[in-house]
Amino acid sequence: MEFVEYIFERSSCKTKEGSFYDPFLINNYDGFVKNFELAKESVKDKKAVFLLSAAKTEEDKKAVDTIRTALYDLDETNKEVIFFDVGNIQPNLITHDKLSSSLKYFFEELYGIWDKENLRFLILLPQRTVLPDFLSSIPEKLFTITDVNSYFDLSDTVKMLTARGNLLIYNLIGAMQFFFNYELHDSQYNEIFVRFGDVKEDLYSYFEPVARESKVVINSLDSVASAFARGSCLRSANGFDAYSFSALSHIEALSPAVRFNFYTSFCNFGDDTTGSSASLIAQSVWLYLNTFQKAVYENPLAKPTPDHIEIIHQLNTDIDFDLTFYHSTFTDRWWIQIPGSAFVFAISGLEYERLKKGIVPDRILKLIKNFS
């Protein structure tokens, strides 16, 4: 386990006296590092969450430590989840080309121990500049990204991942101006746009399906209205409120495909004298840790089809093609079979009802266009 100490430096943050959390000894961190082979045998069958961060500057280090302090001051999480805080990435790795290769080695080592369905990573990034290194280090052959972000896009990164054949879909949950971004709209990759306004109107119907399909979710504090997050990199009067932003983490934790959760764009913590920004991210992480053990994995295409999955074949609509749907009577989840292909994608009950009426939502239309 020496590679953990090579990649990470322990963060220094304060905790309240008697706190369940200890940033240096969470679930026997020292024992995990020093006696890795023995430790992994006792925890590898349990759900595990690894928390890590990348901070280039002293200000960024203070920001991630402030979040950790706020997290460890909260009540303990569900003990069914094994939680390891491996600390900050070594600064010398952030400033060189070693970051991507080191992270890939770290992820692959853990992939060799845990069942993928039981392994999650929570990653604190004050700035989005190192996101490309993280995304290129993910040991998945093909994955979907959901980016909750009102200002930036990942066009260069997405193109890089597309060229490597890693990217299936890039979901951008952002403001209306992205619909008029020519570079994104005219791109070669499969981008799906969802407006903040729609998600805020019905979090579950608009966010749950895209999260359920995503290996990576990027939660940008820039997507939160500045009244609730003064420490964001770019402030806006519009955006999610604190409740909605935290609720996104709850939905992500319940989504069986999500493996990498980023919390980013909080580079102005020094300006937030209220501490609300750190509390918001800490509470989002805490909610994730308390929800992850409830995640249910379902595969509607499993053979034989699970008894709780009902198939609605060739639903006749007013549009030019028939559709096939899968519905779980256990979790009330829905999926759609793309006509003329083997692709099946998650949808919401609201999207199903609209399709039944012959109304094709933009997201579904894009999926049908790109994958049929």
Protein backbone atom coordinates (compact mmCIF):
# COMPACT_ATOMS: atom_id res chain seq x y z
CA MET A 1 0.00 0.00 0.00
CA GLU A 2 3.01 2.28 -0.29
CA PHE A 3 1.52 3.74 -3.45
CA VAL A 4 -1.15 5.47 -1.31
CA GLU A 5 1.51 7.30 0.69
CA TYR A 6 3.34 8.12 -2.55
CA ILE A 7 0.25 9.72 -4.11
CA PHE A 8 -1.41 11.34 -1.09
CA GLU A 9 -0.41 13.57 1.80
CA ARG A 10 -2.62 13.62 4.83
CA SER A 11 -4.62 16.76 5.27
CA SER A 12 -4.51 18.70 8.50
CA CYS A 13 -7.96 19.69 9.72
CA LYS A 14 -9.60 20.16 13.07
CA THR A 15 -12.40 18.03 14.47
CA LYS A 16 -14.59 18.53 17.48
CA GLU A 17 -13.69 16.60 20.62
CA GLY A 18 -15.27 13.18 20.64
CA SER A 19 -16.12 13.31 16.94
CA PHE A 20 -16.71 9.94 15.29
CA TYR A 21 -14.53 11.08 12.41
CA ASP A 22 -10.77 11.25 12.51
CA PRO A 23 -9.23 12.37 9.20
CA PHE A 24 -6.12 10.29 9.92
CA LEU A 25 -7.68 7.15 11.37
CA ILE A 26 -11.03 6.68 9.68
CA ASN A 27 -11.80 2.96 9.81
CA ASN A 28 -8.20 2.28 10.86
CA TYR A 29 -6.52 4.18 8.02
CA ASP A 30 -3.04 3.47 9.40
CA GLY A 31 -3.79 -0.23 9.60
CA PHE A 32 -5.10 -0.16 6.07
CA VAL A 33 -1.89 1.40 4.79
CA LYS A 34 0.60 -0.58 6.86
CA ASN A 35 -1.07 -3.95 6.58
CA PHE A 36 -2.94 -3.70 3.33
CA GLU A 37 -3.27 -7.39 2.57
CA LEU A 38 -4.85 -8.14 5.95
CA ALA A 39 -7.05 -5.05 5.95
CA LYS A 40 -8.52 -5.62 2.52
CA GLU A 41 -9.65 -9.13 3.45
CA SER A 42 -11.80 -7.75 6.25
CA VAL A 43 -13.48 -4.99 4.23
CA LYS A 44 -13.40 -5.94 0.54
CA ASP A 45 -16.94 -7.37 0.61
CA LYS A 46 -18.38 -4.17 2.08
CA LYS A 47 -19.33 -0.95 0.35
CA ALA A 48 -16.33 1.41 0.38
CA VAL A 49 -16.03 5.14 -0.24
CA PHE A 50 -12.66 6.85 -0.73
CA LEU A 51 -12.41 10.60 -0.21
CA LEU A 52 -9.50 12.46 -1.81
CA SER A 53 -8.66 15.98 -2.93
CA ALA A 54 -6.31 17.95 -5.16
CA ALA A 55 -5.24 21.39 -3.99
CA LYS A 56 -2.57 23.37 -5.82
CA THR A 57 -2.34 26.44 -3.59
CA GLU A 58 -2.39 27.06 0.16
CA GLU A 59 -5.77 28.74 -0.27
CA ASP A 60 -7.10 25.62 -1.98
CA LYS A 61 -5.72 23.44 0.82
CA LYS A 62 -7.53 25.59 3.37
CA ALA A 63 -10.71 25.17 1.35
CA VAL A 64 -10.63 21.36 1.27
CA ASP A 65 -9.60 21.24 4.95
CA THR A 66 -12.53 23.50 5.81
CA ILE A 67 -14.86 21.06 4.08
CA ARG A 68 -13.31 18.12 5.91
CA THR A 69 -13.62 19.88 9.26
CA ALA A 70 -17.30 20.61 8.56
CA LEU A 71 -17.83 16.98 7.51
CA TYR A 72 -16.15 15.48 10.57
CA ASP A 73 -18.17 17.74 12.86
CA LEU A 74 -21.38 16.12 11.62
CA ASP A 75 -22.86 13.00 13.16
CA GLU A 76 -21.36 9.67 12.19
CA THR A 77 -22.37 8.00 8.94
CA ASN A 78 -23.92 4.59 8.50
CA LYS A 79 -21.38 2.03 9.65
CA GLU A 80 -22.29 -0.33 6.82
CA VAL A 81 -20.12 1.84 4.56
CA ILE A 82 -16.33 1.68 4.91
CA PHE A 83 -15.02 5.24 4.58
CA PHE A 84 -11.37 6.07 3.89
CA ASP A 85 -10.06 9.63 3.69
CA VAL A 86 -6.74 9.22 1.88
CA GLY A 87 -5.96 12.97 1.96
CA ASN A 88 -4.62 15.48 -0.54
CA ILE A 89 -2.72 14.50 -3.65
CA GLN A 90 0.99 15.29 -3.35
CA PRO A 91 1.61 18.80 -4.82
CA ASN A 92 4.50 17.56 -6.96
CA LEU A 93 2.12 15.19 -8.76
CA ILE A 94 -0.36 17.96 -9.54
CA THR A 95 2.25 20.11 -11.28
CA HIS A 96 3.68 17.33 -13.45
CA ASP A 97 2.41 14.77 -15.94
CA LYS A 98 2.46 12.14 -13.17
CA LEU A 99 -1.06 12.90 -11.95
CA SER A 100 -3.04 10.92 -14.50
CA SER A 101 -0.79 7.85 -14.43
CA SER A 102 -0.57 7.84 -10.62
CA LEU A 103 -4.32 8.12 -10.22
CA LYS A 104 -4.95 5.42 -12.80
CA TYR A 105 -2.67 3.07 -10.87
CA PHE A 106 -4.47 3.93 -7.62
CA PHE A 107 -7.93 3.33 -9.12
CA GLU A 108 -6.91 0.08 -10.82
CA GLU A 109 -5.42 -1.27 -7.59
CA LEU A 110 -8.70 -0.72 -5.78
CA TYR A 111 -10.71 -2.07 -8.72
CA GLY A 112 -8.75 -5.29 -8.27
CA ILE A 113 -9.94 -5.57 -4.67
CA TRP A 114 -13.55 -4.38 -4.55
CA ASP A 115 -16.52 -5.37 -6.61
CA LYS A 116 -17.10 -2.27 -8.76
CA GLU A 117 -20.68 -1.97 -7.53
CA ASN A 118 -19.36 -1.53 -3.97
CA LEU A 119 -16.69 1.08 -4.69
CA ARG A 120 -17.12 4.86 -4.88
CA PHE A 121 -14.77 7.87 -5.01
CA LEU A 122 -15.61 11.35 -3.68
CA ILE A 123 -13.16 13.92 -5.01
CA LEU A 124 -12.77 17.54 -3.82
CA LEU A 125 -11.34 19.88 -6.48
CA PRO A 126 -11.39 23.62 -5.67
CA GLN A 127 -10.61 24.32 -9.35
CA ARG A 128 -11.64 22.44 -12.48
CA THR A 129 -8.23 22.72 -14.13
CA VAL A 130 -7.14 19.19 -13.14
CA LEU A 131 -10.42 17.56 -14.15
CA PRO A 132 -8.95 16.34 -17.49
CA ASP A 133 -6.21 14.44 -15.64
CA PHE A 134 -8.77 12.79 -13.39
CA LEU A 135 -11.10 11.87 -16.22
CA SER A 136 -8.31 10.41 -18.32
CA SER A 137 -7.22 8.26 -15.35
CA ILE A 138 -10.59 6.53 -14.90
CA PRO A 139 -10.12 2.82 -15.68
CA GLU A 140 -13.38 2.40 -17.58
CA LYS A 141 -13.54 1.56 -21.26
CA LEU A 142 -16.77 3.44 -21.92
CA PHE A 143 -18.62 5.78 -19.58
CA THR A 144 -21.10 8.63 -19.36
CA ILE A 145 -20.36 11.98 -17.68
CA THR A 146 -22.97 14.22 -16.10
CA ASP A 147 -21.70 17.75 -15.49
CA VAL A 148 -23.80 19.99 -13.21
CA ASN A 149 -22.26 23.28 -14.22
CA SER A 150 -23.67 26.67 -15.19
CA TYR A 151 -20.66 28.36 -16.74
CA PHE A 152 -18.04 26.06 -18.23
CA ASP A 153 -18.04 23.11 -20.55
CA LEU A 154 -15.56 20.29 -20.94
CA SER A 155 -15.38 20.49 -24.72
CA ASP A 156 -11.62 19.85 -24.98
CA THR A 157 -11.73 17.04 -22.43
CA VAL A 158 -14.80 15.51 -24.03
CA LYS A 159 -13.13 15.55 -27.43
CA MET A 160 -10.08 13.87 -25.91
CA LEU A 161 -12.17 11.15 -24.28
CA THR A 162 -14.16 10.69 -27.49
CA ALA A 163 -10.97 10.28 -29.50
CA ARG A 164 -9.85 7.58 -27.07
CA GLY A 165 -13.21 5.85 -27.33
CA ASN A 166 -13.98 6.30 -23.61
CA LEU A 167 -17.00 8.58 -23.74
CA LEU A 168 -20.54 7.37 -24.38
CA ILE A 169 -22.57 10.48 -23.47
CA TYR A 170 -21.78 13.88 -21.99
CA ASN A 171 -24.80 15.23 -20.07
CA LEU A 172 -24.57 18.95 -19.38
CA ILE A 173 -27.00 20.26 -16.79
CA GLY A 174 -26.61 23.99 -17.15
CA ALA A 175 -28.10 27.31 -18.07
CA MET A 176 -29.92 28.16 -21.28
CA GLN A 177 -26.88 29.80 -22.92
CA PHE A 178 -25.39 26.38 -23.57
CA PHE A 179 -28.08 25.72 -26.16
CA PHE A 180 -26.53 28.50 -28.22
CA ASN A 181 -22.91 27.44 -27.77
CA TYR A 182 -22.01 26.64 -31.38
CA GLU A 183 -18.93 24.61 -30.55
CA LEU A 184 -20.90 22.28 -28.32
CA HIS A 185 -24.01 22.16 -30.48
CA ASP A 186 -22.02 21.32 -33.62
CA SER A 187 -19.73 18.79 -31.92
CA GLN A 188 -19.16 15.19 -32.92
CA TYR A 189 -19.79 13.69 -29.50
CA ASN A 190 -23.09 12.77 -27.89
CA GLU A 191 -23.95 15.75 -25.75
CA ILE A 192 -27.28 15.96 -23.94
CA PHE A 193 -28.42 19.33 -22.56
CA VAL A 194 -30.74 19.65 -19.57
CA ARG A 195 -31.71 23.07 -18.24
CA PHE A 196 -31.36 24.08 -14.59
CA GLY A 197 -34.94 25.30 -14.68
CA ASP A 198 -36.27 21.85 -15.58
CA VAL A 199 -34.17 20.07 -12.96
CA LYS A 200 -35.17 22.56 -10.26
CA GLU A 201 -38.81 22.03 -11.17
CA ASP A 202 -38.63 18.26 -10.64
CA LEU A 203 -35.27 16.98 -9.35
CA TYR A 204 -36.11 13.32 -9.53
CA SER A 205 -37.73 13.24 -12.96
CA TYR A 206 -35.03 15.26 -14.71
CA PHE A 207 -31.87 14.32 -12.82
CA GLU A 208 -32.33 10.71 -11.69
CA PRO A 209 -32.29 9.15 -15.21
CA VAL A 210 -29.09 10.88 -16.32
CA ALA A 211 -27.38 10.16 -12.98
CA ARG A 212 -28.41 6.51 -13.19
CA GLU A 213 -26.53 6.14 -16.48
CA SER A 214 -23.40 8.03 -15.37
CA LYS A 215 -20.08 6.67 -14.12
CA VAL A 216 -18.95 10.26 -13.43
CA VAL A 217 -20.93 13.15 -11.92
CA ILE A 218 -19.35 16.59 -11.54
CA ASN A 219 -21.07 18.79 -8.95
CA SER A 220 -19.96 22.38 -9.50
CA LEU A 221 -20.57 24.91 -6.74
CA ASP A 222 -20.97 27.43 -9.58
CA SER A 223 -24.37 25.81 -10.18
CA VAL A 224 -25.57 27.08 -6.79
CA ALA A 225 -27.02 30.57 -6.36
CA SER A 226 -24.49 32.85 -4.66
CA ALA A 227 -26.89 33.44 -1.76
CA PHE A 228 -26.16 29.85 -0.71
CA ALA A 229 -22.55 29.54 -1.91
CA ARG A 230 -20.44 32.68 -1.69
CA GLY A 231 -17.28 30.60 -2.00
CA SER A 232 -17.94 29.49 -5.58
CA CYS A 233 -15.49 30.46 -8.32
CA LEU A 234 -18.06 32.39 -10.34
CA ARG A 235 -21.06 33.81 -8.54
CA SER A 236 -24.56 34.06 -9.94
CA ALA A 237 -27.91 35.17 -8.58
CA ASN A 238 -29.50 32.14 -10.26
CA GLY A 239 -28.94 28.45 -9.66
CA PHE A 240 -29.81 25.68 -7.23
CA ASP A 241 -30.60 26.39 -3.62
CA ALA A 242 -28.75 24.53 -0.86
CA TYR A 243 -31.44 21.87 -0.48
CA SER A 244 -31.52 21.02 -4.20
CA PHE A 245 -27.74 20.83 -4.49
CA SER A 246 -27.54 18.40 -1.57
CA ALA A 247 -30.45 16.39 -2.95
CA LEU A 248 -28.41 15.80 -6.12
CA SER A 249 -25.86 13.91 -4.00
CA HIS A 250 -28.64 11.80 -2.52
CA ILE A 251 -29.82 10.82 -6.01
CA GLU A 252 -26.25 10.17 -7.17
CA ALA A 253 -25.58 7.86 -4.23
CA LEU A 254 -28.68 5.83 -5.10
CA SER A 255 -27.58 5.51 -8.73
CA PRO A 256 -25.80 2.16 -9.16
CA ALA A 257 -23.59 3.25 -12.07
CA VAL A 258 -22.06 6.34 -10.43
CA ARG A 259 -18.51 5.64 -9.29
CA PHE A 260 -16.73 9.02 -9.36
CA ASN A 261 -18.32 12.05 -7.70
CA PHE A 262 -16.53 15.37 -8.04
CA TYR A 263 -17.25 18.47 -5.95
CA THR A 264 -15.56 21.42 -7.57
CA SER A 265 -15.46 25.17 -8.34
CA PHE A 266 -15.08 26.45 -4.76
CA CYS A 267 -11.98 28.62 -5.12
CA ASN A 268 -13.26 31.65 -3.17
CA PHE A 269 -13.78 30.19 0.29
CA GLY A 270 -11.79 33.07 1.75
CA ASP A 271 -14.62 35.41 0.75
CA ASP A 272 -17.28 33.32 2.45
CA THR A 273 -17.27 34.54 6.05
CA THR A 274 -20.48 32.63 6.78
CA GLY A 275 -18.92 29.22 6.12
CA SER A 276 -22.06 28.20 4.23
CA SER A 277 -20.16 26.97 1.16
CA ALA A 278 -18.07 24.49 3.13
CA SER A 279 -21.13 23.37 5.09
CA LEU A 280 -23.08 22.81 1.88
CA ILE A 281 -20.43 20.56 0.32
CA ALA A 282 -19.82 18.76 3.63
CA GLN A 283 -23.53 18.07 4.05
CA SER A 284 -23.71 16.84 0.43
CA VAL A 285 -20.84 14.41 1.07
CA TRP A 286 -22.40 13.33 4.37
CA LEU A 287 -25.74 12.69 2.65
CA TYR A 288 -23.95 10.65 -0.01
CA LEU A 289 -22.23 8.51 2.64
CA ASN A 290 -25.54 7.88 4.38
CA THR A 291 -27.35 6.95 1.17
CA PHE A 292 -24.83 4.82 -0.72
CA GLN A 293 -25.68 1.57 1.09
CA LYS A 294 -29.26 1.89 -0.23
CA ALA A 295 -28.22 1.83 -3.89
CA VAL A 296 -29.93 -0.97 -5.83
CA TYR A 297 -28.38 -2.39 -9.00
CA GLU A 298 -30.85 -3.51 -11.66
CA ASN A 299 -30.21 -4.78 -15.17
CA PRO A 300 -33.39 -4.93 -17.27
CA LEU A 301 -31.54 -6.94 -19.94
CA ALA A 302 -30.40 -9.69 -17.58
CA LYS A 303 -31.23 -13.21 -18.74
CA PRO A 304 -33.58 -14.45 -17.57
CA THR A 305 -35.31 -11.13 -16.99
CA PRO A 306 -35.77 -10.48 -13.24
CA ASP A 307 -39.30 -11.17 -12.01
CA HIS A 308 -39.74 -7.57 -10.87
CA ILE A 309 -38.96 -6.16 -14.34
CA GLU A 310 -42.00 -5.87 -16.58
CA ILE A 311 -41.60 -5.37 -20.32
CA ILE A 312 -43.98 -3.16 -22.30
CA HIS A 313 -43.36 -4.14 -25.90
CA GLN A 314 -43.86 -1.83 -28.86
CA LEU A 315 -45.84 0.87 -27.16
CA ASN A 316 -47.72 2.47 -30.05
CA THR A 317 -47.44 6.26 -30.04
CA ASP A 318 -48.35 9.07 -32.37
CA ILE A 319 -44.74 9.28 -33.52
CA ASP A 320 -43.24 7.32 -36.43
CA PHE A 321 -41.90 4.34 -34.52
CA ASP A 322 -42.87 1.88 -31.81
CA LEU A 323 -41.04 1.76 -28.50
CA THR A 324 -40.24 -0.86 -25.91
CA PHE A 325 -39.98 -0.02 -22.22
CA TYR A 326 -38.80 -1.81 -19.10
CA HIS A 327 -40.31 -1.03 -15.71
CA SER A 328 -39.14 -2.17 -12.29
CA THR A 329 -41.99 -2.87 -9.93
CA PHE A 330 -39.40 -2.97 -7.12
CA THR A 331 -37.83 0.50 -7.50
CA ASP A 332 -40.32 2.07 -9.97
CA ARG A 333 -37.47 2.79 -12.39
CA TRP A 334 -38.03 2.98 -16.14
CA TRP A 335 -35.84 2.27 -19.18
CA ILE A 336 -36.34 2.73 -22.90
CA GLN A 337 -35.09 0.41 -25.65
CA ILE A 338 -33.73 2.48 -28.53
CA PRO A 339 -35.48 1.37 -31.76
CA GLY A 340 -33.31 -0.73 -34.05
CA SER A 341 -30.53 -1.25 -31.47
CA ALA A 342 -29.61 -3.11 -28.32
CA PHE A 343 -29.14 0.13 -26.35
CA VAL A 344 -31.30 0.60 -23.25
CA PHE A 345 -31.26 3.93 -21.38
CA ALA A 346 -32.77 5.08 -18.10
CA ILE A 347 -35.79 7.37 -18.26
CA SER A 348 -38.15 8.79 -15.67
CA GLY A 349 -41.80 7.97 -15.14
CA LEU A 350 -42.60 11.49 -16.38
CA GLU A 351 -40.73 10.87 -19.63
CA TYR A 352 -42.57 7.57 -20.07
CA GLU A 353 -45.96 9.25 -19.62
CA ARG A 354 -45.05 11.90 -22.19
CA LEU A 355 -43.83 9.31 -24.69
CA LYS A 356 -47.05 7.35 -24.19
CA LYS A 357 -48.90 10.48 -25.27
CA GLY A 358 -46.69 10.86 -28.35
CA ILE A 359 -44.62 13.70 -26.86
CA VAL A 360 -40.89 13.04 -27.30
CA PRO A 361 -38.68 14.96 -24.80
CA ASP A 362 -35.53 16.51 -26.28
CA ARG A 363 -33.24 14.20 -24.30
CA ILE A 364 -35.00 11.06 -25.55
CA LEU A 365 -35.06 12.37 -29.11
CA LYS A 366 -31.28 12.90 -28.99
CA LEU A 367 -30.75 9.36 -27.65
CA ILE A 368 -32.91 7.88 -30.39
CA LYS A 369 -31.12 9.95 -33.05
CA ASN A 370 -27.63 9.01 -31.86
CA PHE A 371 -28.09 5.34 -30.97
CA SER A 372 -30.77 3.91 -33.24
